Amino acid sequence: MVIIRAFGTGTVVYANPFTNLTDIDLSNSCATSITLPDSVSLQTFAVNNSAVKEVSLTGQSIIDELDFTGCIGLSTLKLETCSAITELNLD
């Protein structure tokens, strides 16, 4: 299940049809909360300059870089078993 919340909207839940999803680009978006479980194996995850406040990634064994440049509202970043991450930018 992929969960994405945006300003002024309810929770949008995307369930298992997205098991082949490999790339997410929410850069410059109004998404505020993103939860990705291990059933989605991403190669790229872009959220720079977005309104994101909370991000939770579980079992992302392919992603090696996360860039939160310009995400001034980011307050919670939860990474579980994301063993390939070698670079994390929080500027």
N, C-alpha and C. Protein backbone atom coordinates (compact mmCIF):
# COMPACT_ATOMS: atom_id res chain seq x y z
N MET A 1 0.84 -1.17 0.00
CA MET A 1 0.00 0.00 0.00
C MET A 1 0.89 1.24 0.00
N VAL A 2 0.63 2.16 -0.90
CA VAL A 2 1.34 3.43 -0.98
C VAL A 2 0.37 4.50 -0.49
N ILE A 3 0.81 5.29 0.48
CA ILE A 3 -0.06 6.32 1.04
C ILE A 3 0.58 7.68 0.78
N ILE A 4 -0.19 8.57 0.17
CA ILE A 4 0.28 9.92 -0.09
C ILE A 4 -0.80 10.90 0.37
N ARG A 5 -0.43 11.86 1.20
CA ARG A 5 -1.36 12.88 1.65
C ARG A 5 -0.92 14.23 1.12
N ALA A 6 -1.87 15.08 0.76
CA ALA A 6 -1.55 16.41 0.26
C ALA A 6 -2.35 17.46 1.03
N PHE A 7 -1.92 18.71 0.93
CA PHE A 7 -2.61 19.82 1.60
C PHE A 7 -4.10 19.79 1.30
N GLY A 8 -4.92 19.93 2.32
CA GLY A 8 -6.35 20.11 2.15
C GLY A 8 -7.10 18.94 1.57
N THR A 9 -6.47 17.77 1.54
CA THR A 9 -7.17 16.61 0.99
C THR A 9 -7.14 15.48 2.01
N GLY A 10 -7.95 14.49 1.77
CA GLY A 10 -7.92 13.31 2.63
C GLY A 10 -6.74 12.44 2.24
N THR A 11 -6.64 11.31 2.89
CA THR A 11 -5.56 10.37 2.57
C THR A 11 -5.90 9.64 1.28
N VAL A 12 -4.93 9.56 0.40
CA VAL A 12 -5.08 8.81 -0.83
C VAL A 12 -4.26 7.54 -0.66
N VAL A 13 -4.89 6.39 -0.82
CA VAL A 13 -4.19 5.12 -0.63
C VAL A 13 -4.15 4.39 -1.97
N TYR A 14 -2.94 4.05 -2.38
CA TYR A 14 -2.75 3.27 -3.59
C TYR A 14 -2.32 1.87 -3.16
N ALA A 15 -3.12 0.86 -3.47
CA ALA A 15 -2.81 -0.50 -3.03
C ALA A 15 -2.09 -1.27 -4.13
N ASN A 16 -1.96 -2.54 -3.98
CA ASN A 16 -1.07 -3.41 -4.74
C ASN A 16 -1.00 -3.35 -6.26
N PRO A 17 -1.83 -2.68 -7.01
CA PRO A 17 -1.57 -2.64 -8.45
C PRO A 17 -0.22 -2.00 -8.77
N PHE A 18 0.40 -1.35 -7.80
CA PHE A 18 1.64 -0.63 -8.04
C PHE A 18 2.88 -1.43 -7.64
N THR A 19 2.80 -2.74 -7.63
CA THR A 19 3.97 -3.54 -7.26
C THR A 19 5.10 -3.41 -8.26
N ASN A 20 4.84 -2.98 -9.50
CA ASN A 20 5.88 -2.80 -10.51
C ASN A 20 6.36 -1.36 -10.59
N LEU A 21 5.90 -0.52 -9.71
CA LEU A 21 6.31 0.87 -9.67
C LEU A 21 7.80 0.95 -9.34
N THR A 22 8.58 1.67 -10.16
CA THR A 22 10.02 1.77 -9.92
C THR A 22 10.49 3.19 -9.64
N ASP A 23 9.71 4.19 -10.03
CA ASP A 23 10.14 5.58 -9.87
C ASP A 23 8.98 6.44 -9.36
N ILE A 24 9.28 7.29 -8.39
CA ILE A 24 8.31 8.27 -7.91
C ILE A 24 9.00 9.62 -7.89
N ASP A 25 8.35 10.61 -8.53
CA ASP A 25 8.87 11.98 -8.51
C ASP A 25 7.77 12.90 -8.00
N LEU A 26 7.91 13.32 -6.75
CA LEU A 26 6.96 14.24 -6.12
C LEU A 26 7.63 15.59 -5.88
N SER A 27 8.68 15.88 -6.64
CA SER A 27 9.38 17.15 -6.52
C SER A 27 8.41 18.30 -6.80
N ASN A 28 8.56 19.37 -6.04
CA ASN A 28 7.73 20.56 -6.20
C ASN A 28 6.24 20.29 -6.01
N SER A 29 5.90 19.26 -5.26
CA SER A 29 4.50 18.90 -5.07
C SER A 29 3.99 19.38 -3.71
N CYS A 30 2.68 19.25 -3.53
CA CYS A 30 2.07 19.61 -2.25
C CYS A 30 1.85 18.38 -1.37
N ALA A 31 2.41 17.23 -1.74
CA ALA A 31 2.29 16.02 -0.91
C ALA A 31 2.95 16.29 0.44
N THR A 32 2.27 15.95 1.53
CA THR A 32 2.79 16.22 2.86
C THR A 32 3.23 14.98 3.61
N SER A 33 2.69 13.81 3.24
CA SER A 33 3.03 12.59 3.95
C SER A 33 3.11 11.44 2.95
N ILE A 34 4.22 10.70 2.99
CA ILE A 34 4.44 9.60 2.04
C ILE A 34 4.85 8.36 2.81
N THR A 35 4.16 7.26 2.57
CA THR A 35 4.48 5.98 3.19
C THR A 35 4.62 4.93 2.09
N LEU A 36 5.78 4.31 2.01
CA LEU A 36 6.02 3.27 1.01
C LEU A 36 6.45 1.98 1.70
N PRO A 37 5.70 0.91 1.52
CA PRO A 37 6.06 -0.37 2.12
C PRO A 37 7.03 -1.14 1.24
N ASP A 38 7.47 -2.28 1.70
CA ASP A 38 8.44 -3.08 0.95
C ASP A 38 7.85 -3.78 -0.26
N SER A 39 6.53 -3.72 -0.47
CA SER A 39 5.95 -4.34 -1.66
C SER A 39 6.22 -3.51 -2.91
N VAL A 40 6.74 -2.29 -2.74
CA VAL A 40 7.12 -1.42 -3.84
C VAL A 40 8.64 -1.28 -3.80
N SER A 41 9.33 -1.70 -4.87
CA SER A 41 10.79 -1.61 -4.91
C SER A 41 11.20 -0.49 -5.85
N LEU A 42 11.49 0.66 -5.28
CA LEU A 42 11.82 1.83 -6.08
C LEU A 42 13.28 1.87 -6.47
N GLN A 43 13.53 2.45 -7.67
CA GLN A 43 14.89 2.74 -8.10
C GLN A 43 15.20 4.21 -7.84
N THR A 44 14.19 5.06 -8.01
CA THR A 44 14.37 6.48 -7.71
C THR A 44 13.17 7.00 -6.94
N PHE A 45 13.46 7.95 -6.04
CA PHE A 45 12.44 8.57 -5.20
C PHE A 45 12.83 10.03 -5.06
N ALA A 46 12.11 10.92 -5.74
CA ALA A 46 12.45 12.34 -5.75
C ALA A 46 11.35 13.15 -5.07
N VAL A 47 11.74 13.94 -4.09
CA VAL A 47 10.78 14.78 -3.38
C VAL A 47 11.32 16.18 -3.11
N ASN A 48 12.44 16.53 -3.74
CA ASN A 48 13.05 17.82 -3.44
C ASN A 48 12.09 18.99 -3.73
N ASN A 49 12.24 20.04 -2.92
CA ASN A 49 11.43 21.25 -3.03
C ASN A 49 9.93 21.00 -2.91
N SER A 50 9.55 20.02 -2.12
CA SER A 50 8.14 19.72 -1.93
C SER A 50 7.69 20.13 -0.53
N ALA A 51 6.41 19.99 -0.27
CA ALA A 51 5.83 20.35 1.03
C ALA A 51 5.86 19.18 2.01
N VAL A 52 6.57 18.12 1.67
CA VAL A 52 6.57 16.91 2.49
C VAL A 52 6.99 17.19 3.94
N LYS A 53 6.23 16.59 4.87
CA LYS A 53 6.52 16.70 6.30
C LYS A 53 6.94 15.36 6.88
N GLU A 54 6.35 14.28 6.37
CA GLU A 54 6.62 12.94 6.90
C GLU A 54 6.88 11.97 5.76
N VAL A 55 7.97 11.21 5.88
CA VAL A 55 8.28 10.17 4.90
C VAL A 55 8.64 8.90 5.65
N SER A 56 8.04 7.79 5.22
CA SER A 56 8.34 6.49 5.80
C SER A 56 8.60 5.51 4.66
N LEU A 57 9.82 4.98 4.63
CA LEU A 57 10.21 4.00 3.61
C LEU A 57 10.61 2.71 4.31
N THR A 58 10.09 1.60 3.83
CA THR A 58 10.40 0.29 4.41
C THR A 58 10.86 -0.66 3.32
N GLY A 59 11.97 -1.35 3.56
CA GLY A 59 12.43 -2.40 2.66
C GLY A 59 12.82 -1.93 1.28
N GLN A 60 13.30 -0.71 1.16
CA GLN A 60 13.73 -0.19 -0.14
C GLN A 60 15.20 -0.55 -0.35
N SER A 61 15.45 -1.69 -0.92
CA SER A 61 16.81 -2.21 -1.02
C SER A 61 17.56 -1.76 -2.27
N ILE A 62 16.91 -1.00 -3.15
CA ILE A 62 17.57 -0.56 -4.37
C ILE A 62 17.97 0.91 -4.31
N ILE A 63 17.13 1.75 -3.73
CA ILE A 63 17.42 3.18 -3.66
C ILE A 63 18.74 3.42 -2.93
N ASP A 64 19.65 4.18 -3.57
CA ASP A 64 20.93 4.46 -2.92
C ASP A 64 21.09 5.94 -2.55
N GLU A 65 20.16 6.78 -2.99
CA GLU A 65 20.27 8.21 -2.71
C GLU A 65 18.89 8.81 -2.43
N LEU A 66 18.82 9.63 -1.39
CA LEU A 66 17.59 10.38 -1.08
C LEU A 66 17.94 11.85 -1.00
N ASP A 67 17.17 12.67 -1.70
CA ASP A 67 17.43 14.10 -1.75
C ASP A 67 16.20 14.86 -1.28
N PHE A 68 16.32 15.50 -0.12
CA PHE A 68 15.23 16.29 0.45
C PHE A 68 15.56 17.78 0.41
N THR A 69 16.38 18.20 -0.56
CA THR A 69 16.74 19.60 -0.71
C THR A 69 15.47 20.45 -0.84
N GLY A 70 15.40 21.51 -0.04
CA GLY A 70 14.27 22.42 -0.11
C GLY A 70 13.01 21.95 0.58
N CYS A 71 13.05 20.82 1.25
CA CYS A 71 11.88 20.32 1.98
C CYS A 71 11.92 20.89 3.40
N ILE A 72 11.64 22.18 3.53
CA ILE A 72 11.83 22.87 4.79
C ILE A 72 10.86 22.42 5.89
N GLY A 73 9.77 21.78 5.51
CA GLY A 73 8.81 21.30 6.49
C GLY A 73 9.04 19.88 6.97
N LEU A 74 10.05 19.20 6.42
CA LEU A 74 10.30 17.80 6.78
C LEU A 74 10.62 17.68 8.27
N SER A 75 9.79 16.93 8.98
CA SER A 75 10.00 16.77 10.42
C SER A 75 10.20 15.32 10.81
N THR A 76 9.73 14.37 9.97
CA THR A 76 9.85 12.96 10.29
C THR A 76 10.34 12.19 9.07
N LEU A 77 11.45 11.48 9.24
CA LEU A 77 11.98 10.62 8.19
C LEU A 77 12.25 9.26 8.83
N LYS A 78 11.49 8.26 8.40
CA LYS A 78 11.62 6.91 8.95
C LYS A 78 12.10 5.97 7.84
N LEU A 79 13.28 5.39 8.03
CA LEU A 79 13.84 4.46 7.07
C LEU A 79 14.07 3.12 7.77
N GLU A 80 13.43 2.07 7.26
CA GLU A 80 13.60 0.73 7.83
C GLU A 80 14.09 -0.22 6.75
N THR A 81 15.15 -0.91 7.02
CA THR A 81 15.78 -1.87 6.10
C THR A 81 15.93 -1.31 4.69
N CYS A 82 16.53 -0.14 4.61
CA CYS A 82 16.87 0.51 3.34
C CYS A 82 18.38 0.48 3.21
N SER A 83 18.91 -0.71 3.03
CA SER A 83 20.34 -0.97 3.16
C SER A 83 21.22 -0.37 2.07
N ALA A 84 20.67 0.01 0.93
CA ALA A 84 21.50 0.52 -0.17
C ALA A 84 21.77 2.02 -0.06
N ILE A 85 21.07 2.73 0.82
CA ILE A 85 21.22 4.18 0.90
C ILE A 85 22.64 4.54 1.36
N THR A 86 23.33 5.28 0.49
CA THR A 86 24.68 5.74 0.81
C THR A 86 24.76 7.26 0.86
N GLU A 87 23.71 7.92 0.34
CA GLU A 87 23.72 9.38 0.32
C GLU A 87 22.35 9.92 0.73
N LEU A 88 22.37 10.85 1.68
CA LEU A 88 21.13 11.46 2.19
C LEU A 88 21.35 12.95 2.28
N ASN A 89 20.56 13.73 1.53
CA ASN A 89 20.69 15.18 1.53
C ASN A 89 19.46 15.79 2.21
N LEU A 90 19.70 16.52 3.29
CA LEU A 90 18.63 17.16 4.05
C LEU A 90 18.73 18.69 4.03
N ASP A 91 19.43 19.26 3.05
CA ASP A 91 19.59 20.72 2.97
C ASP A 91 18.29 21.41 2.67
